[in-house]
Amino acid sequence: MEVQSLTRNARMSPKKMHEVARIIQGRKATEAVDYLTLIPRKSARLIVKTLKSAIANAENNNNLSADTLTVKSAVIENGPVLKRFKAGARGTAKPRRKKMAHIRIILSDGNSN
């Protein structure tokens, strides 16, 4: 059985989040939470919230134990981009692209039901 959780429009660049997300793929869910709590980055805090949500979905909606779950995939997708401008030299405007990401975590218990 597979369970997923999705966080949309996380206010961080997908490139920065992908570095942390690939660490937890294939690990046990409880072990992945421990790894992420030790990483001192904002992206780790956002991913651990989504991971805990996926674990809660598995326990409450599908009656699965957190000890049997593994992280099947942790996907970071591109979200919308806020286009802003900052003042530049000689009265010009310099563009700023403030990127967002979608976090999708899929947990599996190993059974293909």
PDB file of N, CA and C in Angstrom:
ATOM      1  N   MET A   1       0.849  -1.167   0.000  1.00  0.00           N
ATOM      2  CA  MET A   1       0.000   0.000   0.000  1.00  0.00           C
ATOM      3  C   MET A   1       0.898   1.233   0.000  1.00  0.00           C
ATOM      4  N   GLU A   2       0.519   2.183  -0.810  1.00  0.00           N
ATOM      5  CA  GLU A   2       1.273   3.432  -0.891  1.00  0.00           C
ATOM      6  C   GLU A   2       0.447   4.573  -0.336  1.00  0.00           C
ATOM      7  N   VAL A   3       1.122   5.464   0.364  1.00  0.00           N
ATOM      8  CA  VAL A   3       0.489   6.643   0.953  1.00  0.00           C
ATOM      9  C   VAL A   3       1.327   7.843   0.558  1.00  0.00           C
ATOM     10  N   GLN A   4       0.671   8.956   0.259  1.00  0.00           N
ATOM     11  CA  GLN A   4       1.437  10.137  -0.131  1.00  0.00           C
ATOM     12  C   GLN A   4       0.982  11.369   0.615  1.00  0.00           C
ATOM     13  N   SER A   5       1.848  12.355   0.621  1.00  0.00           N
ATOM     14  CA  SER A   5       1.547  13.662   1.179  1.00  0.00           C
ATOM     15  C   SER A   5       2.147  14.701   0.244  1.00  0.00           C
ATOM     16  N   LEU A   6       1.456  15.837   0.140  1.00  0.00           N
ATOM     17  CA  LEU A   6       1.861  16.862  -0.817  1.00  0.00           C
ATOM     18  C   LEU A   6       1.829  18.228  -0.143  1.00  0.00           C
ATOM     19  N   THR A   7       2.896  18.974  -0.292  1.00  0.00           N
ATOM     20  CA  THR A   7       2.948  20.362   0.153  1.00  0.00           C
ATOM     21  C   THR A   7       3.131  21.223  -1.086  1.00  0.00           C
ATOM     22  N   ARG A   8       2.244  22.172  -1.266  1.00  0.00           N
ATOM     23  CA  ARG A   8       2.313  23.036  -2.442  1.00  0.00           C
ATOM     24  C   ARG A   8       2.850  24.414  -2.065  1.00  0.00           C
ATOM     25  N   ASN A   9       3.512  25.037  -3.011  1.00  0.00           N
ATOM     26  CA  ASN A   9       3.987  26.412  -2.908  1.00  0.00           C
ATOM     27  C   ASN A   9       4.884  26.656  -1.697  1.00  0.00           C
ATOM     28  N   ALA A  10       5.803  25.738  -1.437  1.00  0.00           N
ATOM     29  CA  ALA A  10       6.797  25.944  -0.389  1.00  0.00           C
ATOM     30  C   ALA A  10       7.739  27.039  -0.862  1.00  0.00           C
ATOM     31  N   ARG A  11       7.958  28.030  -0.055  1.00  0.00           N
ATOM     32  CA  ARG A  11       8.678  29.242  -0.453  1.00  0.00           C
ATOM     33  C   ARG A  11      10.189  29.037  -0.398  1.00  0.00           C
ATOM     34  N   MET A  12      10.668  28.126  -1.257  1.00  0.00           N
ATOM     35  CA  MET A  12      12.099  27.870  -1.376  1.00  0.00           C
ATOM     36  C   MET A  12      12.380  27.296  -2.754  1.00  0.00           C
ATOM     37  N   SER A  13      13.549  27.536  -3.241  1.00  0.00           N
ATOM     38  CA  SER A  13      13.944  27.074  -4.565  1.00  0.00           C
ATOM     39  C   SER A  13      13.962  25.542  -4.632  1.00  0.00           C
ATOM     40  N   PRO A  14      13.442  24.953  -5.713  1.00  0.00           N
ATOM     41  CA  PRO A  14      13.444  23.501  -5.845  1.00  0.00           C
ATOM     42  C   PRO A  14      14.852  22.907  -5.858  1.00  0.00           C
ATOM     43  N   LYS A  15      15.807  23.635  -6.371  1.00  0.00           N
ATOM     44  CA  LYS A  15      17.183  23.145  -6.431  1.00  0.00           C
ATOM     45  C   LYS A  15      17.759  22.942  -5.028  1.00  0.00           C
ATOM     46  N   LYS A  16      17.467  23.866  -4.127  1.00  0.00           N
ATOM     47  CA  LYS A  16      17.949  23.749  -2.747  1.00  0.00           C
ATOM     48  C   LYS A  16      17.255  22.606  -2.021  1.00  0.00           C
ATOM     49  N   MET A  17      15.982  22.383  -2.327  1.00  0.00           N
ATOM     50  CA  MET A  17      15.230  21.332  -1.653  1.00  0.00           C
ATOM     51  C   MET A  17      15.613  19.950  -2.165  1.00  0.00           C
ATOM     52  N   HIS A  18      15.959  19.852  -3.427  1.00  0.00           N
ATOM     53  CA  HIS A  18      16.296  18.558  -4.015  1.00  0.00           C
ATOM     54  C   HIS A  18      17.547  17.959  -3.372  1.00  0.00           C
ATOM     55  N   GLU A  19      18.486  18.799  -2.957  1.00  0.00           N
ATOM     56  CA  GLU A  19      19.710  18.315  -2.310  1.00  0.00           C
ATOM     57  C   GLU A  19      19.396  17.528  -1.043  1.00  0.00           C
ATOM     58  N   VAL A  20      18.400  17.984  -0.294  1.00  0.00           N
ATOM     59  CA  VAL A  20      18.037  17.322   0.952  1.00  0.00           C
ATOM     60  C   VAL A  20      17.110  16.140   0.683  1.00  0.00           C
ATOM     61  N   ALA A  21      16.223  16.261  -0.294  1.00  0.00           N
ATOM     62  CA  ALA A  21      15.227  15.217  -0.548  1.00  0.00           C
ATOM     63  C   ALA A  21      15.867  13.910  -1.002  1.00  0.00           C
ATOM     64  N   ARG A  22      16.958  13.971  -1.732  1.00  0.00           N
ATOM     65  CA  ARG A  22      17.544  12.726  -2.234  1.00  0.00           C
ATOM     66  C   ARG A  22      18.240  11.928  -1.124  1.00  0.00           C
ATOM     67  N   ILE A  23      18.482  12.542   0.036  1.00  0.00           N
ATOM     68  CA  ILE A  23      19.103  11.837   1.152  1.00  0.00           C
ATOM     69  C   ILE A  23      18.165  10.782   1.731  1.00  0.00           C
ATOM     70  N   ILE A  24      16.856  11.057   1.739  1.00  0.00           N
ATOM     71  CA  ILE A  24      15.923  10.180   2.450  1.00  0.00           C
ATOM     72  C   ILE A  24      15.300   9.099   1.575  1.00  0.00           C
ATOM     73  N   GLN A  25      15.506   9.119   0.282  1.00  0.00           N
ATOM     74  CA  GLN A  25      14.870   8.131  -0.583  1.00  0.00           C
ATOM     75  C   GLN A  25      15.397   6.733  -0.292  1.00  0.00           C
ATOM     76  N   GLY A  26      14.468   5.793  -0.107  1.00  0.00           N
ATOM     77  CA  GLY A  26      14.837   4.411   0.158  1.00  0.00           C
ATOM     78  C   GLY A  26      15.045   4.082   1.622  1.00  0.00           C
ATOM     79  N   ARG A  27      14.994   5.060   2.500  1.00  0.00           N
ATOM     80  CA  ARG A  27      15.193   4.816   3.932  1.00  0.00           C
ATOM     81  C   ARG A  27      13.865   4.515   4.615  1.00  0.00           C
ATOM     82  N   LYS A  28      13.943   3.956   5.805  1.00  0.00           N
ATOM     83  CA  LYS A  28      12.743   3.778   6.621  1.00  0.00           C
ATOM     84  C   LYS A  28      12.235   5.160   7.027  1.00  0.00           C
ATOM     85  N   ALA A  29      10.929   5.290   7.177  1.00  0.00           N
ATOM     86  CA  ALA A  29      10.318   6.594   7.427  1.00  0.00           C
ATOM     87  C   ALA A  29      10.782   7.187   8.756  1.00  0.00           C
ATOM     88  N   THR A  30      10.849   6.372   9.803  1.00  0.00           N
ATOM     89  CA  THR A  30      11.273   6.896  11.112  1.00  0.00           C
ATOM     90  C   THR A  30      12.746   7.298  11.088  1.00  0.00           C
ATOM     91  N   GLU A  31      13.550   6.543  10.356  1.00  0.00           N
ATOM     92  CA  GLU A  31      14.971   6.875  10.215  1.00  0.00           C
ATOM     93  C   GLU A  31      15.147   8.171   9.417  1.00  0.00           C
ATOM     94  N   ALA A  32      14.312   8.361   8.401  1.00  0.00           N
ATOM     95  CA  ALA A  32      14.381   9.572   7.580  1.00  0.00           C
ATOM     96  C   ALA A  32      14.026  10.809   8.400  1.00  0.00           C
ATOM     97  N   VAL A  33      13.057  10.695   9.308  1.00  0.00           N
ATOM     98  CA  VAL A  33      12.700  11.820  10.178  1.00  0.00           C
ATOM     99  C   VAL A  33      13.892  12.187  11.052  1.00  0.00           C
ATOM    100  N   ASP A  34      14.587  11.166  11.589  1.00  0.00           N
ATOM    101  CA  ASP A  34      15.764  11.430  12.421  1.00  0.00           C
ATOM    102  C   ASP A  34      16.870  12.123  11.627  1.00  0.00           C
ATOM    103  N   TYR A  35      17.094  11.687  10.388  1.00  0.00           N
ATOM    104  CA  TYR A  35      18.107  12.316   9.536  1.00  0.00           C
ATOM    105  C   TYR A  35      17.785  13.786   9.300  1.00  0.00           C
ATOM    106  N   LEU A  36      16.524  14.042   8.964  1.00  0.00           N
ATOM    107  CA  LEU A  36      16.138  15.405   8.605  1.00  0.00           C
ATOM    108  C   LEU A  36      16.185  16.357   9.789  1.00  0.00           C
ATOM    109  N   THR A  37      15.902  15.867  10.994  1.00  0.00           N
ATOM    110  CA  THR A  37      15.940  16.757  12.158  1.00  0.00           C
ATOM    111  C   THR A  37      17.367  17.179  12.493  1.00  0.00           C
ATOM    112  N   LEU A  38      18.351  16.420  12.027  1.00  0.00           N
ATOM    113  CA  LEU A  38      19.749  16.770  12.300  1.00  0.00           C
ATOM    114  C   LEU A  38      20.362  17.701  11.260  1.00  0.00           C
ATOM    115  N   ILE A  39      19.662  17.905  10.150  1.00  0.00           N
ATOM    116  CA  ILE A  39      20.190  18.759   9.078  1.00  0.00           C
ATOM    117  C   ILE A  39      19.767  20.204   9.346  1.00  0.00           C
ATOM    118  N   PRO A  40      20.709  21.134   9.497  1.00  0.00           N
ATOM    119  CA  PRO A  40      20.360  22.517   9.866  1.00  0.00           C
ATOM    120  C   PRO A  40      20.026  23.400   8.662  1.00  0.00           C
ATOM    121  N   ARG A  41      19.013  23.010   7.891  1.00  0.00           N
ATOM    122  CA  ARG A  41      18.622  23.790   6.726  1.00  0.00           C
ATOM    123  C   ARG A  41      17.107  23.976   6.723  1.00  0.00           C
ATOM    124  N   LYS A  42      16.664  25.066   6.137  1.00  0.00           N
ATOM    125  CA  LYS A  42      15.234  25.338   6.041  1.00  0.00           C
ATOM    126  C   LYS A  42      14.537  24.272   5.204  1.00  0.00           C
ATOM    127  N   SER A  43      15.188  23.810   4.154  1.00  0.00           N
ATOM    128  CA  SER A  43      14.572  22.799   3.297  1.00  0.00           C
ATOM    129  C   SER A  43      14.313  21.504   4.064  1.00  0.00           C
ATOM    130  N   ALA A  44      15.191  21.153   4.994  1.00  0.00           N
ATOM    131  CA  ALA A  44      14.987  19.947   5.803  1.00  0.00           C
ATOM    132  C   ALA A  44      13.762  20.102   6.694  1.00  0.00           C
ATOM    133  N   ARG A  45      13.543  21.301   7.240  1.00  0.00           N
ATOM    134  CA  ARG A  45      12.361  21.536   8.086  1.00  0.00           C
ATOM    135  C   ARG A  45      11.085  21.415   7.275  1.00  0.00           C
ATOM    136  N   LEU A  46      11.078  21.917   6.045  1.00  0.00           N
ATOM    137  CA  LEU A  46       9.888  21.827   5.211  1.00  0.00           C
ATOM    138  C   LEU A  46       9.616  20.383   4.783  1.00  0.00           C
ATOM    139  N   ILE A  47      10.657  19.636   4.469  1.00  0.00           N
ATOM    140  CA  ILE A  47      10.486  18.257   4.032  1.00  0.00           C
ATOM    141  C   ILE A  47      10.052  17.365   5.188  1.00  0.00           C
ATOM    142  N   VAL A  48      10.571  17.608   6.392  1.00  0.00           N
ATOM    143  CA  VAL A  48      10.186  16.772   7.534  1.00  0.00           C
ATOM    144  C   VAL A  48       8.722  16.995   7.906  1.00  0.00           C
ATOM    145  N   LYS A  49       8.194  18.195   7.697  1.00  0.00           N
ATOM    146  CA  LYS A  49       6.771  18.427   7.941  1.00  0.00           C
ATOM    147  C   LYS A  49       5.920  17.602   6.983  1.00  0.00           C
ATOM    148  N   THR A  50       6.315  17.556   5.730  1.00  0.00           N
ATOM    149  CA  THR A  50       5.578  16.775   4.742  1.00  0.00           C
ATOM    150  C   THR A  50       5.703  15.280   5.030  1.00  0.00           C
ATOM    151  N   LEU A  51       6.889  14.843   5.451  1.00  0.00           N
ATOM    152  CA  LEU A  51       7.106  13.437   5.770  1.00  0.00           C
ATOM    153  C   LEU A  51       6.265  13.009   6.972  1.00  0.00           C
ATOM    154  N   LYS A  52       6.214  13.844   8.003  1.00  0.00           N
ATOM    155  CA  LYS A  52       5.384  13.525   9.170  1.00  0.00           C
ATOM    156  C   LYS A  52       3.908  13.487   8.801  1.00  0.00           C
ATOM    157  N   SER A  53       3.498  14.329   7.876  1.00  0.00           N
ATOM    158  CA  SER A  53       2.118  14.313   7.403  1.00  0.00           C
ATOM    159  C   SER A  53       1.814  13.007   6.672  1.00  0.00           C
ATOM    160  N   ALA A  54       2.749  12.524   5.862  1.00  0.00           N
ATOM    161  CA  ALA A  54       2.556  11.262   5.150  1.00  0.00           C
ATOM    162  C   ALA A  54       2.478  10.093   6.131  1.00  0.00           C
ATOM    163  N   ILE A  55       3.302  10.126   7.179  1.00  0.00           N
ATOM    164  CA  ILE A  55       3.265   9.069   8.200  1.00  0.00           C
ATOM    165  C   ILE A  55       1.919   9.094   8.922  1.00  0.00           C
ATOM    166  N   ALA A  56       1.434  10.288   9.255  1.00  0.00           N
ATOM    167  CA  ALA A  56       0.135  10.410   9.918  1.00  0.00           C
ATOM    168  C   ALA A  56      -0.992   9.935   9.013  1.00  0.00           C
ATOM    169  N   ASN A  57      -0.902  10.223   7.708  1.00  0.00           N
ATOM    170  CA  ASN A  57      -1.909   9.735   6.766  1.00  0.00           C
ATOM    171  C   ASN A  57      -1.937   8.202   6.749  1.00  0.00           C
ATOM    172  N   ALA A  58      -0.767   7.589   6.781  1.00  0.00           N
ATOM    173  CA  ALA A  58      -0.690   6.133   6.754  1.00  0.00           C
ATOM    174  C   ALA A  58      -1.279   5.522   8.022  1.00  0.00           C
ATOM    175  N   GLU A  59      -0.982   6.125   9.168  1.00  0.00           N
ATOM    176  CA  GLU A  59      -1.461   5.580  10.436  1.00  0.00           C
ATOM    177  C   GLU A  59      -2.963   5.785  10.612  1.00  0.00           C
ATOM    178  N   ASN A  60      -3.465   6.969  10.280  1.00  0.00           N
ATOM    179  CA  ASN A  60      -4.866   7.281  10.553  1.00  0.00           C
ATOM    180  C   ASN A  60      -5.821   6.802   9.462  1.00  0.00           C
ATOM    181  N   ASN A  61      -5.423   6.902   8.204  1.00  0.00           N
ATOM    182  CA  ASN A  61      -6.336   6.567   7.113  1.00  0.00           C
ATOM    183  C   ASN A  61      -6.253   5.110   6.681  1.00  0.00           C
ATOM    184  N   ASN A  62      -5.065   4.502   6.804  1.00  0.00           N
ATOM    185  CA  ASN A  62      -4.872   3.152   6.280  1.00  0.00           C
ATOM    186  C   ASN A  62      -4.462   2.138   7.342  1.00  0.00           C
ATOM    187  N   ASN A  63      -4.420   2.530   8.601  1.00  0.00           N
ATOM    188  CA  ASN A  63      -4.077   1.634   9.720  1.00  0.00           C
ATOM    189  C   ASN A  63      -2.739   0.926   9.512  1.00  0.00           C
ATOM    190  N   LEU A  64      -1.730   1.664   9.061  1.00  0.00           N
ATOM    191  CA  LEU A  64      -0.388   1.111   8.877  1.00  0.00           C
ATOM    192  C   LEU A  64       0.503   1.560  10.026  1.00  0.00           C
ATOM    193  N   SER A  65       1.494   0.752  10.343  1.00  0.00           N
ATOM    194  CA  SER A  65       2.442   1.099  11.397  1.00  0.00           C
ATOM    195  C   SER A  65       3.584   1.925  10.801  1.00  0.00           C
ATOM    196  N   ALA A  66       4.038   2.915  11.543  1.00  0.00           N
ATOM    197  CA  ALA A  66       5.118   3.782  11.063  1.00  0.00           C
ATOM    198  C   ALA A  66       6.436   3.019  10.941  1.00  0.00           C
ATOM    199  N   ASP A  67       6.587   1.927  11.705  1.00  0.00           N
ATOM    200  CA  ASP A  67       7.836   1.169  11.678  1.00  0.00           C
ATOM    201  C   ASP A  67       8.018   0.377  10.380  1.00  0.00           C
ATOM    202  N   THR A  68       6.913   0.075   9.704  1.00  0.00           N
ATOM    203  CA  THR A  68       7.009  -0.732   8.485  1.00  0.00           C
ATOM    204  C   THR A  68       7.122   0.105   7.220  1.00  0.00           C
ATOM    205  N   LEU A  69       7.000   1.417   7.325  1.00  0.00           N
ATOM    206  CA  LEU A  69       6.977   2.286   6.150  1.00  0.00           C
ATOM    207  C   LEU A  69       8.376   2.653   5.684  1.00  0.00           C
ATOM    208  N   THR A  70       8.548   2.721   4.365  1.00  0.00           N
ATOM    209  CA  THR A  70       9.792   3.215   3.774  1.00  0.00           C
ATOM    210  C   THR A  70       9.451   4.339   2.810  1.00  0.00           C
ATOM    211  N   VAL A  71      10.409   5.225   2.598  1.00  0.00           N
ATOM    212  CA  VAL A  71      10.210   6.342   1.679  1.00  0.00           C
ATOM    213  C   VAL A  71      10.457   5.821   0.263  1.00  0.00           C
ATOM    214  N   LYS A  72       9.387   5.658  -0.495  1.00  0.00           N
ATOM    215  CA  LYS A  72       9.517   5.159  -1.868  1.00  0.00           C
ATOM    216  C   LYS A  72      10.093   6.239  -2.767  1.00  0.00           C
ATOM    217  N   SER A  73       9.563   7.460  -2.632  1.00  0.00           N
ATOM    218  CA  SER A  73      10.113   8.564  -3.420  1.00  0.00           C
ATOM    219  C   SER A  73       9.840   9.883  -2.720  1.00  0.00           C
ATOM    220  N   ALA A  74      10.755  10.788  -2.880  1.00  0.00           N
ATOM    221  CA  ALA A  74      10.618  12.165  -2.396  1.00  0.00           C
ATOM    222  C   ALA A  74      10.905  13.054  -3.598  1.00  0.00           C
ATOM    223  N   VAL A  75       9.836  13.625  -4.158  1.00  0.00           N
ATOM    224  CA  VAL A  75       9.945  14.375  -5.403  1.00  0.00           C
ATOM    225  C   VAL A  75       9.743  15.854  -5.115  1.00  0.00           C
ATOM    226  N   ILE A  76      10.628  16.664  -5.654  1.00  0.00           N
ATOM    227  CA  ILE A  76      10.504  18.116  -5.561  1.00  0.00           C
ATOM    228  C   ILE A  76      10.188  18.626  -6.958  1.00  0.00           C
ATOM    229  N   GLU A  77       9.038  19.274  -7.087  1.00  0.00           N
ATOM    230  CA  GLU A  77       8.598  19.776  -8.385  1.00  0.00           C
ATOM    231  C   GLU A  77       8.639  21.294  -8.391  1.00  0.00           C
ATOM    232  N   ASN A  78       8.762  21.863  -9.580  1.00  0.00           N
ATOM    233  CA  ASN A  78       8.762  23.316  -9.711  1.00  0.00           C
ATOM    234  C   ASN A  78       7.375  23.866  -9.430  1.00  0.00           C
ATOM    235  N   GLY A  79       7.334  24.947  -8.677  1.00  0.00           N
ATOM    236  CA  GLY A  79       6.084  25.628  -8.397  1.00  0.00           C
ATOM    237  C   GLY A  79       6.040  26.943  -9.151  1.00  0.00           C
ATOM    238  N   PRO A  80       5.121  27.815  -8.778  1.00  0.00           N
ATOM    239  CA  PRO A  80       5.049  29.114  -9.445  1.00  0.00           C
ATOM    240  C   PRO A  80       6.239  30.001  -9.090  1.00  0.00           C
ATOM    241  N   VAL A  81       6.463  31.001  -9.912  1.00  0.00           N
ATOM    242  CA  VAL A  81       7.579  31.924  -9.708  1.00  0.00           C
ATOM    243  C   VAL A  81       7.022  33.333  -9.525  1.00  0.00           C
ATOM    244  N   LEU A  82       7.436  33.981  -8.449  1.00  0.00           N
ATOM    245  CA  LEU A  82       7.066  35.384  -8.234  1.00  0.00           C
ATOM    246  C   LEU A  82       8.092  36.252  -8.939  1.00  0.00           C
ATOM    247  N   LYS A  83       7.640  37.131  -9.800  1.00  0.00           N
ATOM    248  CA  LYS A  83       8.560  37.992 -10.543  1.00  0.00           C
ATOM    249  C   LYS A  83       8.557  39.368  -9.900  1.00  0.00           C
ATOM    250  N   ARG A  84       9.696  39.747  -9.363  1.00  0.00           N
ATOM    251  CA  ARG A  84       9.850  41.016  -8.668  1.00  0.00           C
ATOM    252  C   ARG A  84      11.014  41.784  -9.282  1.00  0.00           C
ATOM    253  N   PHE A  85      11.093  43.082  -8.971  1.00  0.00           N
ATOM    254  CA  PHE A  85      12.180  43.912  -9.463  1.00  0.00           C
ATOM    255  C   PHE A  85      12.837  44.636  -8.315  1.00  0.00           C
ATOM    256  N   LYS A  86      14.147  44.841  -8.430  1.00  0.00           N
ATOM    257  CA  LYS A  86      14.919  45.574  -7.436  1.00  0.00           C
ATOM    258  C   LYS A  86      15.642  46.697  -8.155  1.00  0.00           C
ATOM    259  N   ALA A  87      15.776  47.811  -7.485  1.00  0.00           N
ATOM    260  CA  ALA A  87      16.439  48.961  -8.098  1.00  0.00           C
ATOM    261  C   ALA A  87      17.895  48.645  -8.412  1.00  0.00           C
ATOM    262  N   GLY A  88      18.321  49.067  -9.592  1.00  0.00           N
ATOM    263  CA  GLY A  88      19.696  48.852 -10.011  1.00  0.00           C
ATOM    264  C   GLY A  88      20.400  50.173 -10.240  1.00  0.00           C
ATOM    265  N   ALA A  89      21.569  50.120 -10.803  1.00  0.00           N
ATOM    266  CA  ALA A  89      22.367  51.312 -11.033  1.00  0.00           C
ATOM    267  C   ALA A  89      21.730  52.208 -12.103  1.00  0.00           C
ATOM    268  N   ARG A  90      21.870  53.496 -11.934  1.00  0.00           N
ATOM    269  CA  ARG A  90      21.404  54.504 -12.886  1.00  0.00           C
ATOM    270  C   ARG A  90      19.912  54.419 -13.199  1.00  0.00           C
ATOM    271  N   GLY A  91      19.136  54.082 -12.199  1.00  0.00           N
ATOM    272  CA  GLY A  91      17.692  54.073 -12.359  1.00  0.00           C
ATOM    273  C   GLY A  91      17.127  52.881 -13.105  1.00  0.00           C
ATOM    274  N   THR A  92      17.910  51.839 -13.270  1.00  0.00           N
ATOM    275  CA  THR A  92      17.411  50.655 -13.960  1.00  0.00           C
ATOM    276  C   THR A  92      16.741  49.705 -12.961  1.00  0.00           C
ATOM    277  N   ALA A  93      16.022  48.745 -13.480  1.00  0.00           N
ATOM    278  CA  ALA A  93      15.357  47.742 -12.648  1.00  0.00           C
ATOM    279  C   ALA A  93      15.977  46.378 -12.924  1.00  0.00           C
ATOM    280  N   LYS A  94      16.374  45.698 -11.880  1.00  0.00           N
ATOM    281  CA  LYS A  94      16.966  44.362 -11.999  1.00  0.00           C
ATOM    282  C   LYS A  94      15.911  43.324 -11.613  1.00  0.00           C
ATOM    283  N   PRO A  95      15.652  42.327 -12.461  1.00  0.00           N
ATOM    284  CA  PRO A  95      14.622  41.332 -12.143  1.00  0.00           C
ATOM    285  C   PRO A  95      15.073  40.357 -11.063  1.00  0.00           C
ATOM    286  N   ARG A  96      14.128  39.942 -10.239  1.00  0.00           N
ATOM    287  CA  ARG A  96      14.341  38.911  -9.219  1.00  0.00           C
ATOM    288  C   ARG A  96      13.285  37.855  -9.441  1.00  0.00           C
ATOM    289  N   ARG A  97      13.698  36.603  -9.472  1.00  0.00           N
ATOM    290  CA  ARG A  97      12.746  35.499  -9.616  1.00  0.00           C
ATOM    291  C   ARG A  97      12.714  34.730  -8.306  1.00  0.00           C
ATOM    292  N   LYS A  98      11.603  34.816  -7.598  1.00  0.00           N
ATOM    293  CA  LYS A  98      11.457  34.134  -6.317  1.00  0.00           C
ATOM    294  C   LYS A  98      10.711  32.824  -6.572  1.00  0.00           C
ATOM    295  N   LYS A  99      11.460  31.734  -6.518  1.00  0.00           N
ATOM    296  CA  LYS A  99      10.917  30.435  -6.913  1.00  0.00           C
ATOM    297  C   LYS A  99      10.224  29.736  -5.749  1.00  0.00           C
ATOM    298  N   MET A 100       9.272  28.878  -6.103  1.00  0.00           N
ATOM    299  CA  MET A 100       8.567  28.052  -5.129  1.00  0.00           C
ATOM    300  C   MET A 100       8.639  26.601  -5.579  1.00  0.00           C
ATOM    301  N   ALA A 101       8.349  25.685  -4.653  1.00  0.00           N
ATOM    302  CA  ALA A 101       8.435  24.258  -4.960  1.00  0.00           C
ATOM    303  C   ALA A 101       7.230  23.521  -4.404  1.00  0.00           C
ATOM    304  N   HIS A 102       6.928  22.381  -5.018  1.00  0.00           N
ATOM    305  CA  HIS A 102       5.935  21.449  -4.507  1.00  0.00           C
ATOM    306  C   HIS A 102       6.693  20.225  -4.002  1.00  0.00           C
ATOM    307  N   ILE A 103       6.365  19.758  -2.795  1.00  0.00           N
ATOM    308  CA  ILE A 103       7.023  18.599  -2.199  1.00  0.00           C
ATOM    309  C   ILE A 103       6.031  17.436  -2.212  1.00  0.00           C
ATOM    310  N   ARG A 104       6.418  16.315  -2.818  1.00  0.00           N
ATOM    311  CA  ARG A 104       5.566  15.124  -2.842  1.00  0.00           C
ATOM    312  C   ARG A 104       6.369  13.955  -2.269  1.00  0.00           C
ATOM    313  N   ILE A 105       5.867  13.367  -1.179  1.00  0.00           N
ATOM    314  CA  ILE A 105       6.531  12.222  -0.548  1.00  0.00           C
ATOM    315  C   ILE A 105       5.585  11.035  -0.603  1.00  0.00           C
ATOM    316  N   ILE A 106       6.090   9.912  -1.127  1.00  0.00           N
ATOM    317  CA  ILE A 106       5.307   8.684  -1.223  1.00  0.00           C
ATOM    318  C   ILE A 106       5.950   7.642  -0.332  1.00  0.00           C
ATOM    319  N   LEU A 107       5.151   7.087   0.594  1.00  0.00           N
ATOM    320  CA  LEU A 107       5.597   6.041   1.495  1.00  0.00           C
ATOM    321  C   LEU A 107       4.994   4.714   1.062  1.00  0.00           C
ATOM    322  N   SER A 108       5.737   3.641   1.282  1.00  0.00           N
ATOM    323  CA  SER A 108       5.251   2.318   0.928  1.00  0.00           C
ATOM    324  C   SER A 108       5.540   1.367   2.081  1.00  0.00           C
ATOM    325  N   ASP A 109       4.628   0.401   2.284  1.00  0.00           N
ATOM    326  CA  ASP A 109       4.851  -0.598   3.336  1.00  0.00           C
ATOM    327  C   ASP A 109       5.429  -1.902   2.780  1.00  0.00           C
ATOM    328  N   GLY A 110       5.686  -1.944   1.485  1.00  0.00           N
ATOM    329  CA  GLY A 110       6.281  -3.132   0.876  1.00  0.00           C
ATOM    330  C   GLY A 110       5.273  -4.065   0.258  1.00  0.00           C
ATOM    331  N   ASN A 111       4.010  -3.994   0.675  1.00  0.00           N
ATOM    332  CA  ASN A 111       2.973  -4.843   0.094  1.00  0.00           C
ATOM    333  C   ASN A 111       2.394  -4.166  -1.137  1.00  0.00           C
ATOM    334  N   SER A 112       2.123  -4.925  -2.167  1.00  0.00           N
ATOM    335  CA  SER A 112       1.577  -4.368  -3.397  1.00  0.00           C
ATOM    336  C   SER A 112       0.086  -4.683  -3.484  1.00  0.00           C
ATOM    337  N   ASN A 113      -0.694  -4.181  -2.549  1.00  0.00           N
ATOM    338  CA  ASN A 113      -2.148  -4.408  -2.548  1.00  0.00           C
ATOM    339  C   ASN A 113      -2.847  -3.353  -3.354  1.00  0.00           C
TER     340      ASN A 113
END
